[in-house]
Amino acid sequence: MVKLTPEQRAALQQQPEGVACEDAETHRIYFLVDSEIHQQAMEALRRQQDRNAIAEGAADMEAGRFQPLDKAFADIRGRLEFPGRA
């Protein structure tokens, strides 16, 4: 684990929501945040991705882009060369 420099610690104390840091060699920007803030952001992102996937699935259903579950399973079994259902 990389340890914070005194400069980074001071910046985080002044800006507890996070601090942008630039890599002097690559000029890439990184963002230092408390682990709890990071975890909350990742959970919010996951929830948004879930909502987007559900909305996409609902739109597919409304547009008629679906197949019955038995047909989907049969297609998967065929592609994976599994035996049919008994």
PDB file of N, CA and C in Angstrom:
ATOM      1  N   MET A   1       0.837  -1.171   0.000  1.00  0.00           N
ATOM      2  CA  MET A   1       0.000   0.000   0.000  1.00  0.00           C
ATOM      3  C   MET A   1       0.890   1.244   0.000  1.00  0.00           C
ATOM      4  N   VAL A   2       0.518   2.226  -0.793  1.00  0.00           N
ATOM      5  CA  VAL A   2       1.250   3.482  -0.861  1.00  0.00           C
ATOM      6  C   VAL A   2       0.837   4.354   0.317  1.00  0.00           C
ATOM      7  N   LYS A   3       1.791   4.956   0.981  1.00  0.00           N
ATOM      8  CA  LYS A   3       1.504   5.822   2.128  1.00  0.00           C
ATOM      9  C   LYS A   3       1.311   7.262   1.657  1.00  0.00           C
ATOM     10  N   LEU A   4       0.399   7.968   2.319  1.00  0.00           N
ATOM     11  CA  LEU A   4       0.169   9.372   1.992  1.00  0.00           C
ATOM     12  C   LEU A   4       1.380  10.217   2.365  1.00  0.00           C
ATOM     13  N   THR A   5       1.643  11.209   1.544  1.00  0.00           N
ATOM     14  CA  THR A   5       2.675  12.192   1.896  1.00  0.00           C
ATOM     15  C   THR A   5       2.039  13.213   2.837  1.00  0.00           C
ATOM     16  N   PRO A   6       2.853  13.956   3.571  1.00  0.00           N
ATOM     17  CA  PRO A   6       2.285  15.011   4.418  1.00  0.00           C
ATOM     18  C   PRO A   6       1.462  16.022   3.590  1.00  0.00           C
ATOM     19  N   GLU A   7       1.907  16.332   2.379  1.00  0.00           N
ATOM     20  CA  GLU A   7       1.178  17.258   1.506  1.00  0.00           C
ATOM     21  C   GLU A   7      -0.208  16.704   1.159  1.00  0.00           C
ATOM     22  N   GLN A   8      -0.287  15.412   0.846  1.00  0.00           N
ATOM     23  CA  GLN A   8      -1.567  14.788   0.511  1.00  0.00           C
ATOM     24  C   GLN A   8      -2.502  14.767   1.723  1.00  0.00           C
ATOM     25  N   ARG A   9      -1.944  14.438   2.895  1.00  0.00           N
ATOM     26  CA  ARG A   9      -2.740  14.398   4.121  1.00  0.00           C
ATOM     27  C   ARG A   9      -3.332  15.777   4.409  1.00  0.00           C
ATOM     28  N   ALA A  10      -2.523  16.813   4.268  1.00  0.00           N
ATOM     29  CA  ALA A  10      -2.996  18.181   4.521  1.00  0.00           C
ATOM     30  C   ALA A  10      -4.089  18.562   3.521  1.00  0.00           C
ATOM     31  N   ALA A  11      -3.905  18.179   2.263  1.00  0.00           N
ATOM     32  CA  ALA A  11      -4.904  18.496   1.238  1.00  0.00           C
ATOM     33  C   ALA A  11      -6.217  17.789   1.539  1.00  0.00           C
ATOM     34  N   LEU A  12      -6.152  16.525   1.993  1.00  0.00           N
ATOM     35  CA  LEU A  12      -7.359  15.785   2.336  1.00  0.00           C
ATOM     36  C   LEU A  12      -8.062  16.372   3.558  1.00  0.00           C
ATOM     37  N   GLN A  13      -7.303  16.907   4.479  1.00  0.00           N
ATOM     38  CA  GLN A  13      -7.919  17.547   5.647  1.00  0.00           C
ATOM     39  C   GLN A  13      -8.666  18.811   5.230  1.00  0.00           C
ATOM     40  N   GLN A  14      -8.156  19.513   4.225  1.00  0.00           N
ATOM     41  CA  GLN A  14      -8.802  20.728   3.735  1.00  0.00           C
ATOM     42  C   GLN A  14      -9.968  20.395   2.799  1.00  0.00           C
ATOM     43  N   GLN A  15      -9.875  19.282   2.074  1.00  0.00           N
ATOM     44  CA  GLN A  15     -10.904  18.882   1.109  1.00  0.00           C
ATOM     45  C   GLN A  15     -11.288  17.417   1.368  1.00  0.00           C
ATOM     46  N   PRO A  16     -12.074  17.161   2.407  1.00  0.00           N
ATOM     47  CA  PRO A  16     -12.388  15.772   2.766  1.00  0.00           C
ATOM     48  C   PRO A  16     -13.181  15.012   1.700  1.00  0.00           C
ATOM     49  N   GLU A  17     -13.795  15.724   0.739  1.00  0.00           N
ATOM     50  CA  GLU A  17     -14.528  15.034  -0.331  1.00  0.00           C
ATOM     51  C   GLU A  17     -13.575  14.429  -1.349  1.00  0.00           C
ATOM     52  N   GLY A  18     -12.310  14.796  -1.334  1.00  0.00           N
ATOM     53  CA  GLY A  18     -11.318  14.201  -2.222  1.00  0.00           C
ATOM     54  C   GLY A  18     -10.389  15.240  -2.835  1.00  0.00           C
ATOM     55  N   VAL A  19      -9.253  14.755  -3.302  1.00  0.00           N
ATOM     56  CA  VAL A  19      -8.216  15.625  -3.847  1.00  0.00           C
ATOM     57  C   VAL A  19      -7.701  15.041  -5.161  1.00  0.00           C
ATOM     58  N   ALA A  20      -7.645  15.879  -6.192  1.00  0.00           N
ATOM     59  CA  ALA A  20      -7.057  15.459  -7.475  1.00  0.00           C
ATOM     60  C   ALA A  20      -5.536  15.513  -7.351  1.00  0.00           C
ATOM     61  N   CYS A  21      -4.871  14.464  -7.851  1.00  0.00           N
ATOM     62  CA  CYS A  21      -3.403  14.376  -7.806  1.00  0.00           C
ATOM     63  C   CYS A  21      -2.902  14.053  -9.213  1.00  0.00           C
ATOM     64  N   GLU A  22      -1.869  14.758  -9.632  1.00  0.00           N
ATOM     65  CA  GLU A  22      -1.303  14.520 -10.963  1.00  0.00           C
ATOM     66  C   GLU A  22       0.005  13.767 -10.844  1.00  0.00           C
ATOM     67  N   ASP A  23       0.168  12.727 -11.673  1.00  0.00           N
ATOM     68  CA  ASP A  23       1.434  12.008 -11.770  1.00  0.00           C
ATOM     69  C   ASP A  23       2.380  12.896 -12.568  1.00  0.00           C
ATOM     70  N   ALA A  24       3.493  13.280 -11.970  1.00  0.00           N
ATOM     71  CA  ALA A  24       4.419  14.213 -12.606  1.00  0.00           C
ATOM     72  C   ALA A  24       5.035  13.656 -13.889  1.00  0.00           C
ATOM     73  N   GLU A  25       5.145  12.333 -14.006  1.00  0.00           N
ATOM     74  CA  GLU A  25       5.740  11.740 -15.202  1.00  0.00           C
ATOM     75  C   GLU A  25       4.735  11.527 -16.328  1.00  0.00           C
ATOM     76  N   THR A  26       3.572  10.993 -15.994  1.00  0.00           N
ATOM     77  CA  THR A  26       2.591  10.650 -17.039  1.00  0.00           C
ATOM     78  C   THR A  26       1.542  11.740 -17.243  1.00  0.00           C
ATOM     79  N   HIS A  27       1.434  12.637 -16.263  1.00  0.00           N
ATOM     80  CA  HIS A  27       0.425  13.709 -16.261  1.00  0.00           C
ATOM     81  C   HIS A  27      -1.004  13.164 -16.145  1.00  0.00           C
ATOM     82  N   ARG A  28      -1.134  11.911 -15.742  1.00  0.00           N
ATOM     83  CA  ARG A  28      -2.464  11.346 -15.468  1.00  0.00           C
ATOM     84  C   ARG A  28      -2.949  11.902 -14.143  1.00  0.00           C
ATOM     85  N   ILE A  29      -4.256  12.075 -14.055  1.00  0.00           N
ATOM     86  CA  ILE A  29      -4.861  12.603 -12.839  1.00  0.00           C
ATOM     87  C   ILE A  29      -5.494  11.448 -12.067  1.00  0.00           C
ATOM     88  N   TYR A  30      -5.249  11.410 -10.790  1.00  0.00           N
ATOM     89  CA  TYR A  30      -5.841  10.431  -9.886  1.00  0.00           C
ATOM     90  C   TYR A  30      -6.595  11.199  -8.815  1.00  0.00           C
ATOM     91  N   PHE A  31      -7.518  10.519  -8.156  1.00  0.00           N
ATOM     92  CA  PHE A  31      -8.325  11.189  -7.156  1.00  0.00           C
ATOM     93  C   PHE A  31      -8.199  10.444  -5.834  1.00  0.00           C
ATOM     94  N   LEU A  32      -7.733  11.132  -4.809  1.00  0.00           N
ATOM     95  CA  LEU A  32      -7.617  10.551  -3.474  1.00  0.00           C
ATOM     96  C   LEU A  32      -8.904  10.806  -2.715  1.00  0.00           C
ATOM     97  N   VAL A  33      -9.526   9.738  -2.238  1.00  0.00           N
ATOM     98  CA  VAL A  33     -10.728   9.869  -1.427  1.00  0.00           C
ATOM     99  C   VAL A  33     -10.669   8.875  -0.278  1.00  0.00           C
ATOM    100  N   ASP A  34     -11.410   9.170   0.761  1.00  0.00           N
ATOM    101  CA  ASP A  34     -11.544   8.262   1.884  1.00  0.00           C
ATOM    102  C   ASP A  34     -12.178   6.959   1.385  1.00  0.00           C
ATOM    103  N   SER A  35     -11.801   5.842   1.954  1.00  0.00           N
ATOM    104  CA  SER A  35     -12.304   4.551   1.487  1.00  0.00           C
ATOM    105  C   SER A  35     -13.823   4.450   1.605  1.00  0.00           C
ATOM    106  N   GLU A  36     -14.431   5.068   2.611  1.00  0.00           N
ATOM    107  CA  GLU A  36     -15.890   5.024   2.743  1.00  0.00           C
ATOM    108  C   GLU A  36     -16.564   5.769   1.592  1.00  0.00           C
ATOM    109  N   ILE A  37     -16.015   6.904   1.195  1.00  0.00           N
ATOM    110  CA  ILE A  37     -16.553   7.657   0.063  1.00  0.00           C
ATOM    111  C   ILE A  37     -16.412   6.835  -1.217  1.00  0.00           C
ATOM    112  N   HIS A  38     -15.262   6.196  -1.387  1.00  0.00           N
ATOM    113  CA  HIS A  38     -15.038   5.353  -2.560  1.00  0.00           C
ATOM    114  C   HIS A  38     -16.058   4.218  -2.600  1.00  0.00           C
ATOM    115  N   GLN A  39     -16.281   3.557  -1.451  1.00  0.00           N
ATOM    116  CA  GLN A  39     -17.230   2.448  -1.387  1.00  0.00           C
ATOM    117  C   GLN A  39     -18.634   2.930  -1.730  1.00  0.00           C
ATOM    118  N   GLN A  40     -19.046   4.065  -1.202  1.00  0.00           N
ATOM    119  CA  GLN A  40     -20.367   4.618  -1.506  1.00  0.00           C
ATOM    120  C   GLN A  40     -20.501   4.922  -2.994  1.00  0.00           C
ATOM    121  N   ALA A  41     -19.458   5.475  -3.590  1.00  0.00           N
ATOM    122  CA  ALA A  41     -19.485   5.797  -5.020  1.00  0.00           C
ATOM    123  C   ALA A  41     -19.586   4.530  -5.860  1.00  0.00           C
ATOM    124  N   MET A  42     -18.857   3.485  -5.485  1.00  0.00           N
ATOM    125  CA  MET A  42     -18.909   2.232  -6.234  1.00  0.00           C
ATOM    126  C   MET A  42     -20.295   1.587  -6.119  1.00  0.00           C
ATOM    127  N   GLU A  43     -20.898   1.652  -4.931  1.00  0.00           N
ATOM    128  CA  GLU A  43     -22.242   1.104  -4.757  1.00  0.00           C
ATOM    129  C   GLU A  43     -23.256   1.885  -5.586  1.00  0.00           C
ATOM    130  N   ALA A  44     -23.125   3.213  -5.616  1.00  0.00           N
ATOM    131  CA  ALA A  44     -24.028   4.041  -6.418  1.00  0.00           C
ATOM    132  C   ALA A  44     -23.866   3.718  -7.905  1.00  0.00           C
ATOM    133  N   LEU A  45     -22.632   3.516  -8.349  1.00  0.00           N
ATOM    134  CA  LEU A  45     -22.383   3.154  -9.744  1.00  0.00           C
ATOM    135  C   LEU A  45     -23.021   1.810 -10.073  1.00  0.00           C
ATOM    136  N   ARG A  46     -22.873   0.828  -9.188  1.00  0.00           N
ATOM    137  CA  ARG A  46     -23.485  -0.484  -9.402  1.00  0.00           C
ATOM    138  C   ARG A  46     -25.008  -0.377  -9.486  1.00  0.00           C
ATOM    139  N   ARG A  47     -25.590   0.407  -8.590  1.00  0.00           N
ATOM    140  CA  ARG A  47     -27.049   0.579  -8.624  1.00  0.00           C
ATOM    141  C   ARG A  47     -27.489   1.217  -9.938  1.00  0.00           C
ATOM    142  N   GLN A  48     -26.735   2.210 -10.421  1.00  0.00           N
ATOM    143  CA  GLN A  48     -27.079   2.860 -11.692  1.00  0.00           C
ATOM    144  C   GLN A  48     -26.934   1.885 -12.853  1.00  0.00           C
ATOM    145  N   GLN A  49     -25.891   1.073 -12.841  1.00  0.00           N
ATOM    146  CA  GLN A  49     -25.713   0.070 -13.895  1.00  0.00           C
ATOM    147  C   GLN A  49     -26.852  -0.946 -13.865  1.00  0.00           C
ATOM    148  N   ASP A  50     -27.279  -1.328 -12.665  1.00  0.00           N
ATOM    149  CA  ASP A  50     -28.412  -2.255 -12.546  1.00  0.00           C
ATOM    150  C   ASP A  50     -29.682  -1.625 -13.119  1.00  0.00           C
ATOM    151  N   ARG A  51     -29.941  -0.354 -12.774  1.00  0.00           N
ATOM    152  CA  ARG A  51     -31.126   0.336 -13.305  1.00  0.00           C
ATOM    153  C   ARG A  51     -31.069   0.412 -14.827  1.00  0.00           C
ATOM    154  N   ASN A  52     -29.885   0.713 -15.363  1.00  0.00           N
ATOM    155  CA  ASN A  52     -29.731   0.790 -16.821  1.00  0.00           C
ATOM    156  C   ASN A  52     -29.996  -0.568 -17.475  1.00  0.00           C
ATOM    157  N   ALA A  53     -29.487  -1.636 -16.878  1.00  0.00           N
ATOM    158  CA  ALA A  53     -29.695  -2.975 -17.437  1.00  0.00           C
ATOM    159  C   ALA A  53     -31.174  -3.357 -17.394  1.00  0.00           C
ATOM    160  N   ILE A  54     -31.846  -3.022 -16.301  1.00  0.00           N
ATOM    161  CA  ILE A  54     -33.275  -3.322 -16.193  1.00  0.00           C
ATOM    162  C   ILE A  54     -34.060  -2.533 -17.234  1.00  0.00           C
ATOM    163  N   ALA A  55     -33.724  -1.245 -17.397  1.00  0.00           N
ATOM    164  CA  ALA A  55     -34.418  -0.415 -18.393  1.00  0.00           C
ATOM    165  C   ALA A  55     -34.179  -0.955 -19.795  1.00  0.00           C
ATOM    166  N   GLU A  56     -32.963  -1.404 -20.072  1.00  0.00           N
ATOM    167  CA  GLU A  56     -32.650  -1.971 -21.392  1.00  0.00           C
ATOM    168  C   GLU A  56     -33.453  -3.257 -21.623  1.00  0.00           C
ATOM    169  N   GLY A  57     -33.547  -4.091 -20.594  1.00  0.00           N
ATOM    170  CA  GLY A  57     -34.323  -5.324 -20.712  1.00  0.00           C
ATOM    171  C   GLY A  57     -35.806  -5.036 -20.924  1.00  0.00           C
ATOM    172  N   ALA A  58     -36.327  -4.050 -20.200  1.00  0.00           N
ATOM    173  CA  ALA A  58     -37.737  -3.683 -20.359  1.00  0.00           C
ATOM    174  C   ALA A  58     -37.988  -3.148 -21.769  1.00  0.00           C
ATOM    175  N   ALA A  59     -37.056  -2.348 -22.283  1.00  0.00           N
ATOM    176  CA  ALA A  59     -37.198  -1.817 -23.647  1.00  0.00           C
ATOM    177  C   ALA A  59     -37.168  -2.956 -24.669  1.00  0.00           C
ATOM    178  N   ASP A  60     -36.295  -3.938 -24.457  1.00  0.00           N
ATOM    179  CA  ASP A  60     -36.245  -5.097 -25.353  1.00  0.00           C
ATOM    180  C   ASP A  60     -37.570  -5.850 -25.329  1.00  0.00           C
ATOM    181  N   MET A  61     -38.128  -6.053 -24.138  1.00  0.00           N
ATOM    182  CA  MET A  61     -39.412  -6.759 -24.024  1.00  0.00           C
ATOM    183  C   MET A  61     -40.508  -5.995 -24.772  1.00  0.00           C
ATOM    184  N   GLU A  62     -40.566  -4.672 -24.556  1.00  0.00           N
ATOM    185  CA  GLU A  62     -41.592  -3.861 -25.199  1.00  0.00           C
ATOM    186  C   GLU A  62     -41.445  -3.863 -26.721  1.00  0.00           C
ATOM    187  N   ALA A  63     -40.202  -3.967 -27.202  1.00  0.00           N
ATOM    188  CA  ALA A  63     -39.950  -3.971 -28.643  1.00  0.00           C
ATOM    189  C   ALA A  63     -40.076  -5.376 -29.244  1.00  0.00           C
ATOM    190  N   GLY A  64     -40.361  -6.368 -28.392  1.00  0.00           N
ATOM    191  CA  GLY A  64     -40.522  -7.729 -28.903  1.00  0.00           C
ATOM    192  C   GLY A  64     -39.217  -8.464 -29.106  1.00  0.00           C
ATOM    193  N   ARG A  65     -38.126  -7.944 -28.559  1.00  0.00           N
ATOM    194  CA  ARG A  65     -36.825  -8.605 -28.708  1.00  0.00           C
ATOM    195  C   ARG A  65     -36.589  -9.542 -27.512  1.00  0.00           C
ATOM    196  N   PHE A  66     -37.266 -10.679 -27.540  1.00  0.00           N
ATOM    197  CA  PHE A  66     -37.098 -11.678 -26.485  1.00  0.00           C
ATOM    198  C   PHE A  66     -37.509 -13.031 -27.045  1.00  0.00           C
ATOM    199  N   GLN A  67     -37.192 -14.070 -26.282  1.00  0.00           N
ATOM    200  CA  GLN A  67     -37.647 -15.402 -26.653  1.00  0.00           C
ATOM    201  C   GLN A  67     -38.063 -16.128 -25.380  1.00  0.00           C
ATOM    202  N   PRO A  68     -38.951 -17.096 -25.493  1.00  0.00           N
ATOM    203  CA  PRO A  68     -39.368 -17.843 -24.308  1.00  0.00           C
ATOM    204  C   PRO A  68     -38.162 -18.516 -23.639  1.00  0.00           C
ATOM    205  N   LEU A  69     -38.234 -18.658 -22.324  1.00  0.00           N
ATOM    206  CA  LEU A  69     -37.128 -19.213 -21.552  1.00  0.00           C
ATOM    207  C   LEU A  69     -36.746 -20.609 -22.025  1.00  0.00           C
ATOM    208  N   ASP A  70     -37.728 -21.465 -22.299  1.00  0.00           N
ATOM    209  CA  ASP A  70     -37.409 -22.822 -22.766  1.00  0.00           C
ATOM    210  C   ASP A  70     -36.606 -22.786 -24.063  1.00  0.00           C
ATOM    211  N   LYS A  71     -36.960 -21.883 -24.969  1.00  0.00           N
ATOM    212  CA  LYS A  71     -36.225 -21.749 -26.233  1.00  0.00           C
ATOM    213  C   LYS A  71     -34.801 -21.256 -25.969  1.00  0.00           C
ATOM    214  N   ALA A  72     -34.660 -20.288 -25.063  1.00  0.00           N
ATOM    215  CA  ALA A  72     -33.322 -19.773 -24.736  1.00  0.00           C
ATOM    216  C   ALA A  72     -32.443 -20.882 -24.170  1.00  0.00           C
ATOM    217  N   PHE A  73     -32.998 -21.685 -23.241  1.00  0.00           N
ATOM    218  CA  PHE A  73     -32.223 -22.793 -22.672  1.00  0.00           C
ATOM    219  C   PHE A  73     -31.867 -23.818 -23.743  1.00  0.00           C
ATOM    220  N   ALA A  74     -32.785 -24.110 -24.624  1.00  0.00           N
ATOM    221  CA  ALA A  74     -32.508 -25.069 -25.705  1.00  0.00           C
ATOM    222  C   ALA A  74     -31.386 -24.547 -26.597  1.00  0.00           C
ATOM    223  N   ASP A  75     -31.420 -23.261 -26.923  1.00  0.00           N
ATOM    224  CA  ASP A  75     -30.356 -22.666 -27.745  1.00  0.00           C
ATOM    225  C   ASP A  75     -29.002 -22.764 -27.047  1.00  0.00           C
ATOM    226  N   ILE A  76     -28.984 -22.474 -25.757  1.00  0.00           N
ATOM    227  CA  ILE A  76     -27.727 -22.535 -24.996  1.00  0.00           C
ATOM    228  C   ILE A  76     -27.214 -23.970 -24.947  1.00  0.00           C
ATOM    229  N   ARG A  77     -28.104 -24.917 -24.651  1.00  0.00           N
ATOM    230  CA  ARG A  77     -27.679 -26.326 -24.630  1.00  0.00           C
ATOM    231  C   ARG A  77     -27.111 -26.734 -25.980  1.00  0.00           C
ATOM    232  N   GLY A  78     -27.753 -26.289 -27.071  1.00  0.00           N
ATOM    233  CA  GLY A  78     -27.278 -26.629 -28.406  1.00  0.00           C
ATOM    234  C   GLY A  78     -25.898 -26.046 -28.682  1.00  0.00           C
ATOM    235  N   ARG A  79     -25.698 -24.783 -28.307  1.00  0.00           N
ATOM    236  CA  ARG A  79     -24.406 -24.142 -28.551  1.00  0.00           C
ATOM    237  C   ARG A  79     -23.302 -24.781 -27.726  1.00  0.00           C
ATOM    238  N   LEU A  80     -23.636 -25.229 -26.505  1.00  0.00           N
ATOM    239  CA  LEU A  80     -22.629 -25.843 -25.640  1.00  0.00           C
ATOM    240  C   LEU A  80     -22.565 -27.360 -25.811  1.00  0.00           C
ATOM    241  N   GLU A  81     -23.391 -27.870 -26.717  1.00  0.00           N
ATOM    242  CA  GLU A  81     -23.444 -29.304 -27.026  1.00  0.00           C
ATOM    243  C   GLU A  81     -23.808 -30.136 -25.805  1.00  0.00           C
ATOM    244  N   PHE A  82     -24.722 -29.594 -24.975  1.00  0.00           N
ATOM    245  CA  PHE A  82     -25.251 -30.343 -23.856  1.00  0.00           C
ATOM    246  C   PHE A  82     -26.418 -31.177 -24.361  1.00  0.00           C
ATOM    247  N   PRO A  83     -26.678 -32.319 -23.738  1.00  0.00           N
ATOM    248  CA  PRO A  83     -27.833 -33.119 -24.157  1.00  0.00           C
ATOM    249  C   PRO A  83     -29.137 -32.377 -23.856  1.00  0.00           C
ATOM    250  N   GLY A  84     -30.162 -32.699 -24.593  1.00  0.00           N
ATOM    251  CA  GLY A  84     -31.472 -32.092 -24.378  1.00  0.00           C
ATOM    252  C   GLY A  84     -32.065 -32.518 -23.043  1.00  0.00           C
ATOM    253  N   ARG A  85     -33.140 -31.854 -22.667  1.00  0.00           N
ATOM    254  CA  ARG A  85     -33.812 -32.205 -21.411  1.00  0.00           C
ATOM    255  C   ARG A  85     -34.549 -33.528 -21.561  1.00  0.00           C
ATOM    256  N   ALA A  86     -34.562 -34.266 -20.484  1.00  0.00           N
ATOM    257  CA  ALA A  86     -35.250 -35.557 -20.494  1.00  0.00           C
ATOM    258  C   ALA A  86     -36.713 -35.386 -20.201  1.00  0.00           C
TER     259      ALA A  86
END
